[in-house]
All heavy atoms as atom14 arrays in JSON, in Angstrom:
{
  "sequence": "RNSFFEIHRRVLRELADITDAELEQPAWFWDAAKPIRFRLHRFEE",
  "atom14_mask": [
    [1, 1, 1, 1, 1, 1, 1, 1, 1, 1, 1, 0, 0, 0],
    [1, 1, 1, 1, 1, 1, 1, 1, 0, 0, 0, 0, 0, 0],
    [1, 1, 1, 1, 1, 1, 0, 0, 0, 0, 0, 0, 0, 0],
    [1, 1, 1, 1, 1, 1, 1, 1, 1, 1, 1, 0, 0, 0],
    [1, 1, 1, 1, 1, 1, 1, 1, 1, 1, 1, 0, 0, 0],
    [1, 1, 1, 1, 1, 1, 1, 1, 1, 0, 0, 0, 0, 0],
    [1, 1, 1, 1, 1, 1, 1, 1, 0, 0, 0, 0, 0, 0],
    [1, 1, 1, 1, 1, 1, 1, 1, 1, 1, 0, 0, 0, 0],
    [1, 1, 1, 1, 1, 1, 1, 1, 1, 1, 1, 0, 0, 0],
    [1, 1, 1, 1, 1, 1, 1, 1, 1, 1, 1, 0, 0, 0],
    [1, 1, 1, 1, 1, 1, 1, 0, 0, 0, 0, 0, 0, 0],
    [1, 1, 1, 1, 1, 1, 1, 1, 0, 0, 0, 0, 0, 0],
    [1, 1, 1, 1, 1, 1, 1, 1, 1, 1, 1, 0, 0, 0],
    [1, 1, 1, 1, 1, 1, 1, 1, 1, 0, 0, 0, 0, 0],
    [1, 1, 1, 1, 1, 1, 1, 1, 0, 0, 0, 0, 0, 0],
    [1, 1, 1, 1, 1, 0, 0, 0, 0, 0, 0, 0, 0, 0],
    [1, 1, 1, 1, 1, 1, 1, 1, 0, 0, 0, 0, 0, 0],
    [1, 1, 1, 1, 1, 1, 1, 1, 0, 0, 0, 0, 0, 0],
    [1, 1, 1, 1, 1, 1, 1, 0, 0, 0, 0, 0, 0, 0],
    [1, 1, 1, 1, 1, 1, 1, 1, 0, 0, 0, 0, 0, 0],
    [1, 1, 1, 1, 1, 0, 0, 0, 0, 0, 0, 0, 0, 0],
    [1, 1, 1, 1, 1, 1, 1, 1, 1, 0, 0, 0, 0, 0],
    [1, 1, 1, 1, 1, 1, 1, 1, 0, 0, 0, 0, 0, 0],
    [1, 1, 1, 1, 1, 1, 1, 1, 1, 0, 0, 0, 0, 0],
    [1, 1, 1, 1, 1, 1, 1, 1, 1, 0, 0, 0, 0, 0],
    [1, 1, 1, 1, 1, 1, 1, 0, 0, 0, 0, 0, 0, 0],
    [1, 1, 1, 1, 1, 0, 0, 0, 0, 0, 0, 0, 0, 0],
    [1, 1, 1, 1, 1, 1, 1, 1, 1, 1, 1, 1, 1, 1],
    [1, 1, 1, 1, 1, 1, 1, 1, 1, 1, 1, 0, 0, 0],
    [1, 1, 1, 1, 1, 1, 1, 1, 1, 1, 1, 1, 1, 1],
    [1, 1, 1, 1, 1, 1, 1, 1, 0, 0, 0, 0, 0, 0],
    [1, 1, 1, 1, 1, 0, 0, 0, 0, 0, 0, 0, 0, 0],
    [1, 1, 1, 1, 1, 0, 0, 0, 0, 0, 0, 0, 0, 0],
    [1, 1, 1, 1, 1, 1, 1, 1, 1, 0, 0, 0, 0, 0],
    [1, 1, 1, 1, 1, 1, 1, 0, 0, 0, 0, 0, 0, 0],
    [1, 1, 1, 1, 1, 1, 1, 1, 0, 0, 0, 0, 0, 0],
    [1, 1, 1, 1, 1, 1, 1, 1, 1, 1, 1, 0, 0, 0],
    [1, 1, 1, 1, 1, 1, 1, 1, 1, 1, 1, 0, 0, 0],
    [1, 1, 1, 1, 1, 1, 1, 1, 1, 1, 1, 0, 0, 0],
    [1, 1, 1, 1, 1, 1, 1, 1, 0, 0, 0, 0, 0, 0],
    [1, 1, 1, 1, 1, 1, 1, 1, 1, 1, 0, 0, 0, 0],
    [1, 1, 1, 1, 1, 1, 1, 1, 1, 1, 1, 0, 0, 0],
    [1, 1, 1, 1, 1, 1, 1, 1, 1, 1, 1, 0, 0, 0],
    [1, 1, 1, 1, 1, 1, 1, 1, 1, 0, 0, 0, 0, 0],
    [1, 1, 1, 1, 1, 1, 1, 1, 1, 0, 0, 0, 0, 0]
  ],
  "atom14_positions": [
    [[1.04, 20.1, 22.34], [2.12, 20.67, 21.55], [3.47, 20.11, 21.99], [4.34, 19.79, 21.15], [2.11, 22.19, 21.63], [0.98, 22.91, 20.96], [1.27, 24.39, 20.89], [0.1, 25.17, 20.54], [-0.58, 25.96, 21.35], [-0.17, 26.1, 22.63], [-1.65, 26.65, 20.97], [0.0, 0.0, 0.0], [0.0, 0.0, 0.0], [0.0, 0.0, 0.0]],
    [[3.65, 19.99, 23.29], [4.92, 19.51, 23.82], [5.12, 18.02, 23.46], [6.24, 17.61, 23.15], [4.96, 19.66, 25.32], [6.31, 19.32, 25.9], [7.34, 19.93, 25.59], [6.36, 18.28, 26.74], [0.0, 0.0, 0.0], [0.0, 0.0, 0.0], [0.0, 0.0, 0.0], [0.0, 0.0, 0.0], [0.0, 0.0, 0.0], [0.0, 0.0, 0.0]],
    [[4.05, 17.23, 23.44], [4.12, 15.84, 23.06], [4.57, 15.68, 21.6], [5.39, 14.8, 21.28], [2.77, 15.13, 23.26], [2.43, 15.08, 24.64], [0.0, 0.0, 0.0], [0.0, 0.0, 0.0], [0.0, 0.0, 0.0], [0.0, 0.0, 0.0], [0.0, 0.0, 0.0], [0.0, 0.0, 0.0], [0.0, 0.0, 0.0], [0.0, 0.0, 0.0]],
    [[4.05, 16.55, 20.74], [4.48, 16.48, 19.33], [5.94, 16.95, 19.2], [6.72, 16.36, 18.44], [3.58, 17.39, 18.5], [2.35, 16.68, 17.97], [1.18, 16.75, 18.65], [2.43, 15.92, 16.81], [0.04, 16.08, 18.17], [1.29, 15.19, 16.34], [0.1, 15.33, 17.04], [0.0, 0.0, 0.0], [0.0, 0.0, 0.0], [0.0, 0.0, 0.0]],
    [[6.31, 17.95, 19.98], [7.71, 18.41, 19.96], [8.66, 17.28, 20.34], [9.68, 17.08, 19.7], [7.88, 19.61, 20.87], [9.32, 20.02, 21.08], [10.0, 20.73, 20.14], [9.98, 19.62, 22.25], [11.34, 21.11, 20.35], [11.31, 19.96, 22.46], [11.98, 20.71, 21.51], [0.0, 0.0, 0.0], [0.0, 0.0, 0.0], [0.0, 0.0, 0.0]],
    [[8.31, 16.54, 21.4], [9.21, 15.51, 21.9], [9.38, 14.38, 20.92], [10.51, 13.91, 20.67], [8.69, 14.97, 23.24], [8.77, 15.99, 24.41], [10.19, 16.38, 24.72], [11.13, 15.62, 24.4], [10.39, 17.47, 25.31], [0.0, 0.0, 0.0], [0.0, 0.0, 0.0], [0.0, 0.0, 0.0], [0.0, 0.0, 0.0], [0.0, 0.0, 0.0]],
    [[8.29, 13.9, 20.3], [8.42, 12.79, 19.38], [9.07, 13.27, 18.08], [9.88, 12.55, 17.47], [7.09, 12.08, 19.1], [7.28, 10.86, 18.23], [6.08, 13.04, 18.45], [8.23, 9.83, 18.79], [0.0, 0.0, 0.0], [0.0, 0.0, 0.0], [0.0, 0.0, 0.0], [0.0, 0.0, 0.0], [0.0, 0.0, 0.0], [0.0, 0.0, 0.0]],
    [[8.78, 14.49, 17.7], [9.4, 15.01, 16.46], [10.95, 15.13, 16.66], [11.69, 14.71, 15.79], [8.84, 16.41, 16.15], [9.38, 17.01, 14.91], [9.07, 16.53, 13.66], [10.25, 18.02, 14.69], [9.74, 17.24, 12.75], [10.42, 18.14, 13.35], [0.0, 0.0, 0.0], [0.0, 0.0, 0.0], [0.0, 0.0, 0.0], [0.0, 0.0, 0.0]],
    [[11.34, 15.62, 17.79], [12.78, 15.72, 18.08], [13.42, 14.35, 18.09], [14.52, 14.17, 17.59], [13.0, 16.45, 19.43], [14.44, 16.62, 19.81], [14.6, 17.53, 21.02], [13.93, 17.01, 22.17], [14.01, 17.58, 23.38], [14.76, 18.64, 23.53], [13.4, 17.05, 24.43], [0.0, 0.0, 0.0], [0.0, 0.0, 0.0], [0.0, 0.0, 0.0]],
    [[12.71, 13.4, 18.61], [13.24, 12.03, 18.67], [13.4, 11.42, 17.28], [14.39, 10.79, 16.99], [12.33, 11.16, 19.54], [12.89, 9.76, 19.84], [12.01, 9.01, 20.81], [12.56, 7.68, 21.04], [11.96, 6.75, 21.79], [10.8, 7.05, 22.39], [12.51, 5.56, 21.95], [0.0, 0.0, 0.0], [0.0, 0.0, 0.0], [0.0, 0.0, 0.0]],
    [[12.4, 11.66, 16.44], [12.49, 11.16, 15.06], [13.72, 11.77, 14.36], [14.5, 11.02, 13.74], [11.2, 11.51, 14.28], [11.4, 11.24, 12.77], [10.02, 10.73, 14.8], [0.0, 0.0, 0.0], [0.0, 0.0, 0.0], [0.0, 0.0, 0.0], [0.0, 0.0, 0.0], [0.0, 0.0, 0.0], [0.0, 0.0, 0.0], [0.0, 0.0, 0.0]],
    [[13.87, 13.06, 14.44], [15.01, 13.72, 13.79], [16.35, 13.19, 14.31], [17.31, 13.02, 13.56], [14.92, 15.25, 13.95], [13.71, 15.94, 13.33], [13.81, 17.43, 13.58], [13.63, 15.65, 11.85], [0.0, 0.0, 0.0], [0.0, 0.0, 0.0], [0.0, 0.0, 0.0], [0.0, 0.0, 0.0], [0.0, 0.0, 0.0], [0.0, 0.0, 0.0]],
    [[16.41, 12.94, 15.59], [17.65, 12.5, 16.22], [17.95, 11.04, 15.88], [19.11, 10.7, 15.49], [17.57, 12.67, 17.74], [18.85, 12.29, 18.45], [18.74, 12.54, 19.96], [17.71, 11.71, 20.58], [16.6, 12.18, 21.12], [16.35, 13.49, 21.14], [15.72, 11.38, 21.67], [0.0, 0.0, 0.0], [0.0, 0.0, 0.0], [0.0, 0.0, 0.0]],
    [[16.98, 10.17, 15.97], [17.26, 8.74, 15.87], [17.35, 8.23, 14.43], [17.87, 7.13, 14.18], [16.21, 7.94, 16.63], [16.21, 8.22, 18.12], [15.36, 7.26, 18.91], [15.05, 6.13, 18.44], [14.99, 7.64, 20.07], [0.0, 0.0, 0.0], [0.0, 0.0, 0.0], [0.0, 0.0, 0.0], [0.0, 0.0, 0.0], [0.0, 0.0, 0.0]],
    [[16.86, 9.01, 13.47], [16.89, 8.57, 12.1], [17.91, 9.35, 11.22], [18.02, 9.09, 10.01], [15.49, 8.65, 11.47], [14.41, 7.84, 12.19], [13.08, 8.01, 11.44], [14.78, 6.37, 12.28], [0.0, 0.0, 0.0], [0.0, 0.0, 0.0], [0.0, 0.0, 0.0], [0.0, 0.0, 0.0], [0.0, 0.0, 0.0], [0.0, 0.0, 0.0]],
    [[18.63, 10.24, 11.84], [19.49, 11.16, 11.06], [20.68, 10.47, 10.4], [21.23, 10.99, 9.44], [20.0, 12.29, 11.97], [0.0, 0.0, 0.0], [0.0, 0.0, 0.0], [0.0, 0.0, 0.0], [0.0, 0.0, 0.0], [0.0, 0.0, 0.0], [0.0, 0.0, 0.0], [0.0, 0.0, 0.0], [0.0, 0.0, 0.0], [0.0, 0.0, 0.0]],
    [[21.1, 9.32, 10.92], [22.36, 8.71, 10.4], [22.08, 7.57, 9.37], [22.96, 6.81, 9.06], [23.15, 8.12, 11.52], [22.45, 7.01, 12.31], [21.22, 6.84, 12.14], [23.15, 6.3, 13.08], [0.0, 0.0, 0.0], [0.0, 0.0, 0.0], [0.0, 0.0, 0.0], [0.0, 0.0, 0.0], [0.0, 0.0, 0.0], [0.0, 0.0, 0.0]],
    [[20.84, 7.49, 8.85], [20.53, 6.47, 7.84], [21.32, 6.75, 6.58], [21.35, 7.88, 6.06], [19.02, 6.47, 7.52], [18.25, 6.06, 8.8], [18.68, 5.53, 6.4], [16.73, 6.13, 8.63], [0.0, 0.0, 0.0], [0.0, 0.0, 0.0], [0.0, 0.0, 0.0], [0.0, 0.0, 0.0], [0.0, 0.0, 0.0], [0.0, 0.0, 0.0]],
    [[21.96, 5.73, 6.06], [22.77, 5.87, 4.83], [21.88, 5.72, 3.56], [20.75, 5.21, 3.67], [23.86, 4.82, 4.81], [23.29, 3.52, 4.64], [24.74, 4.9, 6.06], [0.0, 0.0, 0.0], [0.0, 0.0, 0.0], [0.0, 0.0, 0.0], [0.0, 0.0, 0.0], [0.0, 0.0, 0.0], [0.0, 0.0, 0.0], [0.0, 0.0, 0.0]],
    [[22.41, 6.1, 2.45], [21.68, 5.95, 1.2], [21.37, 4.46, 0.94], [20.29, 4.12, 0.48], [22.5, 6.47, 0.03], [22.53, 8.01, 0.01], [21.88, 8.62, 0.86], [23.19, 8.58, -0.9], [0.0, 0.0, 0.0], [0.0, 0.0, 0.0], [0.0, 0.0, 0.0], [0.0, 0.0, 0.0], [0.0, 0.0, 0.0], [0.0, 0.0, 0.0]],
    [[22.31, 3.59, 1.25], [22.1, 2.16, 1.06], [20.99, 1.62, 1.96], [20.12, 0.82, 1.53], [23.38, 1.38, 1.3], [0.0, 0.0, 0.0], [0.0, 0.0, 0.0], [0.0, 0.0, 0.0], [0.0, 0.0, 0.0], [0.0, 0.0, 0.0], [0.0, 0.0, 0.0], [0.0, 0.0, 0.0], [0.0, 0.0, 0.0], [0.0, 0.0, 0.0]],
    [[20.94, 2.12, 3.19], [19.89, 1.67, 4.11], [18.53, 2.12, 3.69], [17.52, 1.47, 4.03], [20.22, 2.12, 5.52], [21.34, 1.38, 6.16], [21.79, 1.93, 7.51], [21.63, 3.16, 7.74], [22.29, 1.14, 8.35], [0.0, 0.0, 0.0], [0.0, 0.0, 0.0], [0.0, 0.0, 0.0], [0.0, 0.0, 0.0], [0.0, 0.0, 0.0]],
    [[18.43, 3.23, 2.97], [17.15, 3.71, 2.52], [16.42, 2.68, 1.63], [15.2, 2.66, 1.6], [17.3, 5.0, 1.72], [17.61, 6.29, 2.5], [17.89, 7.43, 1.53], [16.46, 6.64, 3.43], [0.0, 0.0, 0.0], [0.0, 0.0, 0.0], [0.0, 0.0, 0.0], [0.0, 0.0, 0.0], [0.0, 0.0, 0.0], [0.0, 0.0, 0.0]],
    [[17.18, 1.81, 0.99], [16.55, 0.84, 0.1], [16.25, -0.49, 0.79], [15.65, -1.37, 0.19], [17.47, 0.59, -1.12], [17.98, 1.85, -1.81], [16.86, 2.84, -2.14], [15.72, 2.41, -2.39], [17.12, 4.06, -2.14], [0.0, 0.0, 0.0], [0.0, 0.0, 0.0], [0.0, 0.0, 0.0], [0.0, 0.0, 0.0], [0.0, 0.0, 0.0]],
    [[16.66, -0.65, 2.07], [16.39, -1.86, 2.81], [14.95, -1.92, 3.23], [14.31, -0.88, 3.45], [17.29, -1.97, 4.03], [18.77, -2.1, 3.73], [19.1, -3.39, 3.03], [18.46, -4.44, 3.29], [20.05, -3.35, 2.12], [0.0, 0.0, 0.0], [0.0, 0.0, 0.0], [0.0, 0.0, 0.0], [0.0, 0.0, 0.0], [0.0, 0.0, 0.0]],
    [[14.36, -3.12, 3.37], [12.92, -3.21, 3.72], [12.66, -2.96, 5.19], [13.5, -3.21, 6.06], [12.59, -4.64, 3.37], [13.87, -5.38, 3.5], [14.94, -4.42, 3.09], [0.0, 0.0, 0.0], [0.0, 0.0, 0.0], [0.0, 0.0, 0.0], [0.0, 0.0, 0.0], [0.0, 0.0, 0.0], [0.0, 0.0, 0.0], [0.0, 0.0, 0.0]],
    [[11.51, -2.41, 5.5], [10.98, -2.26, 6.83], [9.58, -2.86, 6.82], [8.77, -2.54, 5.95], [10.95, -0.8, 7.25], [0.0, 0.0, 0.0], [0.0, 0.0, 0.0], [0.0, 0.0, 0.0], [0.0, 0.0, 0.0], [0.0, 0.0, 0.0], [0.0, 0.0, 0.0], [0.0, 0.0, 0.0], [0.0, 0.0, 0.0], [0.0, 0.0, 0.0]],
    [[9.29, -3.7, 7.79], [8.02, -4.45, 7.8], [6.99, -3.78, 8.7], [7.3, -3.3, 9.79], [8.27, -5.85, 8.28], [9.1, -6.7, 7.32], [8.59, -7.57, 6.38], [10.5, -6.74, 7.2], [9.63, -8.15, 5.69], [10.82, -7.67, 6.17], [11.55, -6.09, 7.87], [12.13, -7.95, 5.8], [12.85, -6.39, 7.5], [13.15, -7.3, 6.49]],
    [[5.75, -3.74, 8.17], [4.62, -3.18, 8.93], [3.38, -3.95, 8.48], [3.47, -4.99, 7.8], [4.53, -1.69, 8.67], [3.81, -0.88, 9.7], [3.75, -1.31, 11.04], [3.19, 0.32, 9.38], [3.11, -0.55, 12.01], [2.52, 1.09, 10.32], [2.48, 0.64, 11.64], [0.0, 0.0, 0.0], [0.0, 0.0, 0.0], [0.0, 0.0, 0.0]],
    [[2.21, -3.45, 8.82], [0.98, -4.13, 8.49], [0.83, -4.3, 6.96], [0.14, -5.22, 6.48], [-0.26, -3.39, 9.03], [-0.48, -2.02, 8.38], [0.0, -0.84, 8.82], [-1.2, -1.75, 7.2], [-0.36, 0.17, 8.0], [-1.13, -0.36, 6.99], [-1.93, -2.52, 6.3], [-1.73, 0.29, 5.92], [-2.54, -1.92, 5.21], [-2.44, -0.51, 5.03]],
    [[1.45, -3.42, 6.17], [1.35, -3.45, 4.71], [2.52, -4.21, 4.1], [2.89, -3.93, 2.94], [1.25, -2.02, 4.13], [2.41, -1.13, 4.6], [3.2, -1.58, 5.48], [2.56, -0.03, 4.08], [0.0, 0.0, 0.0], [0.0, 0.0, 0.0], [0.0, 0.0, 0.0], [0.0, 0.0, 0.0], [0.0, 0.0, 0.0], [0.0, 0.0, 0.0]],
    [[3.09, -5.16, 4.83], [4.18, -6.0, 4.36], [5.49, -5.19, 4.29], [5.65, -4.19, 4.96], [3.85, -6.65, 3.01], [0.0, 0.0, 0.0], [0.0, 0.0, 0.0], [0.0, 0.0, 0.0], [0.0, 0.0, 0.0], [0.0, 0.0, 0.0], [0.0, 0.0, 0.0], [0.0, 0.0, 0.0], [0.0, 0.0, 0.0], [0.0, 0.0, 0.0]],
    [[6.43, -5.63, 3.48], [7.75, -4.98, 3.42], [7.71, -3.82, 2.45], [7.2, -3.95, 1.33], [8.81, -6.01, 2.98], [0.0, 0.0, 0.0], [0.0, 0.0, 0.0], [0.0, 0.0, 0.0], [0.0, 0.0, 0.0], [0.0, 0.0, 0.0], [0.0, 0.0, 0.0], [0.0, 0.0, 0.0], [0.0, 0.0, 0.0], [0.0, 0.0, 0.0]],
    [[8.24, -2.7, 2.91], [8.4, -1.51, 2.06], [9.78, -0.93, 2.35], [10.27, -1.0, 3.47], [7.32, -0.44, 2.36], [5.89, -0.87, 2.07], [5.6, -0.85, 0.58], [4.1, -1.05, 0.31], [3.59, -2.35, 0.79], [0.0, 0.0, 0.0], [0.0, 0.0, 0.0], [0.0, 0.0, 0.0], [0.0, 0.0, 0.0], [0.0, 0.0, 0.0]],
    [[10.43, -0.26, 1.37], [11.74, 0.33, 1.64], [11.66, 1.36, 2.77], [10.68, 2.08, 2.95], [12.1, 1.0, 0.32], [11.27, 0.29, -0.68], [9.98, -0.08, -0.02], [0.0, 0.0, 0.0], [0.0, 0.0, 0.0], [0.0, 0.0, 0.0], [0.0, 0.0, 0.0], [0.0, 0.0, 0.0], [0.0, 0.0, 0.0], [0.0, 0.0, 0.0]],
    [[12.76, 1.47, 3.54], [12.84, 2.49, 4.57], [12.59, 3.84, 3.98], [11.99, 4.7, 4.63], [14.2, 2.4, 5.3], [14.26, 1.11, 6.16], [14.49, 3.64, 6.16], [15.58, 0.86, 6.81], [0.0, 0.0, 0.0], [0.0, 0.0, 0.0], [0.0, 0.0, 0.0], [0.0, 0.0, 0.0], [0.0, 0.0, 0.0], [0.0, 0.0, 0.0]],
    [[13.06, 4.07, 2.76], [12.81, 5.34, 2.1], [11.29, 5.67, 2.08], [10.89, 6.8, 2.4], [13.3, 5.28, 0.65], [13.06, 6.57, -0.18], [13.39, 6.32, -1.66], [14.78, 5.97, -1.85], [15.76, 6.87, -1.9], [15.5, 8.15, -1.79], [16.99, 6.46, -2.13], [0.0, 0.0, 0.0], [0.0, 0.0, 0.0], [0.0, 0.0, 0.0]],
    [[10.48, 4.67, 1.73], [9.02, 4.87, 1.71], [8.51, 5.17, 3.12], [7.7, 6.08, 3.29], [8.38, 3.59, 1.18], [6.87, 3.56, 1.3], [6.06, 4.15, 0.34], [6.24, 2.99, 2.4], [4.68, 4.12, 0.44], [4.84, 2.99, 2.53], [4.06, 3.56, 1.54], [0.0, 0.0, 0.0], [0.0, 0.0, 0.0], [0.0, 0.0, 0.0]],
    [[9.03, 4.44, 4.11], [8.58, 4.61, 5.49], [8.88, 6.04, 5.99], [8.09, 6.63, 6.7], [9.23, 3.58, 6.42], [8.96, 2.13, 6.06], [7.52, 1.74, 6.3], [7.31, 0.32, 6.03], [6.13, -0.15, 5.69], [5.06, 0.63, 5.59], [5.96, -1.44, 5.46], [0.0, 0.0, 0.0], [0.0, 0.0, 0.0], [0.0, 0.0, 0.0]],
    [[10.04, 6.56, 5.59], [10.4, 7.9, 6.05], [9.49, 8.96, 5.46], [9.1, 9.9, 6.15], [11.86, 8.19, 5.69], [12.96, 7.38, 6.4], [14.33, 7.86, 5.97], [12.8, 7.47, 7.94], [0.0, 0.0, 0.0], [0.0, 0.0, 0.0], [0.0, 0.0, 0.0], [0.0, 0.0, 0.0], [0.0, 0.0, 0.0], [0.0, 0.0, 0.0]],
    [[9.16, 8.84, 4.19], [8.28, 9.8, 3.58], [6.87, 9.72, 4.15], [6.1, 10.7, 4.11], [8.22, 9.59, 2.05], [9.41, 10.13, 1.36], [9.71, 11.47, 1.33], [10.38, 9.52, 0.63], [10.82, 11.68, 0.61], [11.27, 10.52, 0.16], [0.0, 0.0, 0.0], [0.0, 0.0, 0.0], [0.0, 0.0, 0.0], [0.0, 0.0, 0.0]],
    [[6.5, 8.58, 4.74], [5.16, 8.44, 5.35], [5.0, 9.38, 6.54], [3.88, 9.81, 6.83], [4.91, 6.99, 5.79], [4.56, 6.06, 4.67], [3.22, 6.42, 4.03], [2.12, 6.28, 4.96], [1.0, 7.01, 4.93], [0.84, 8.0, 4.06], [0.05, 6.8, 5.83], [0.0, 0.0, 0.0], [0.0, 0.0, 0.0], [0.0, 0.0, 0.0]],
    [[6.09, 9.69, 7.25], [5.99, 10.66, 8.33], [5.36, 11.95, 7.82], [4.41, 12.48, 8.43], [7.38, 10.98, 8.92], [7.93, 9.99, 9.86], [8.91, 9.08, 9.45], [7.51, 9.95, 11.18], [9.43, 8.15, 10.36], [8.04, 9.06, 12.09], [8.98, 8.14, 11.67], [0.0, 0.0, 0.0], [0.0, 0.0, 0.0], [0.0, 0.0, 0.0]],
    [[5.89, 12.47, 6.73], [5.39, 13.73, 6.17], [3.97, 13.61, 5.67], [3.09, 14.43, 6.01], [6.28, 14.25, 5.07], [5.71, 15.53, 4.44], [6.48, 16.0, 3.2], [7.44, 15.33, 2.77], [6.1, 17.09, 2.69], [0.0, 0.0, 0.0], [0.0, 0.0, 0.0], [0.0, 0.0, 0.0], [0.0, 0.0, 0.0], [0.0, 0.0, 0.0]],
    [[3.72, 12.6, 4.87], [2.43, 12.49, 4.18], [1.28, 12.28, 5.19], [0.21, 12.81, 5.01], [2.45, 11.4, 3.14], [3.41, 11.66, 1.98], [3.23, 13.05, 1.38], [2.1, 13.51, 1.24], [4.27, 13.68, 1.05], [0.0, 0.0, 0.0], [0.0, 0.0, 0.0], [0.0, 0.0, 0.0], [0.0, 0.0, 0.0], [0.0, 0.0, 0.0]]
  ]
}
């Protein structure tokens, strides 16, 4: 539980300042380039 708390807190802290424009910029992973917006929603899903 504490491990989930720590990474969750880190996610909220380190991604909180993303601008609307940055949401549309690509982020690369195994599935090629996808918008940061898509990547952020992946946390929840």
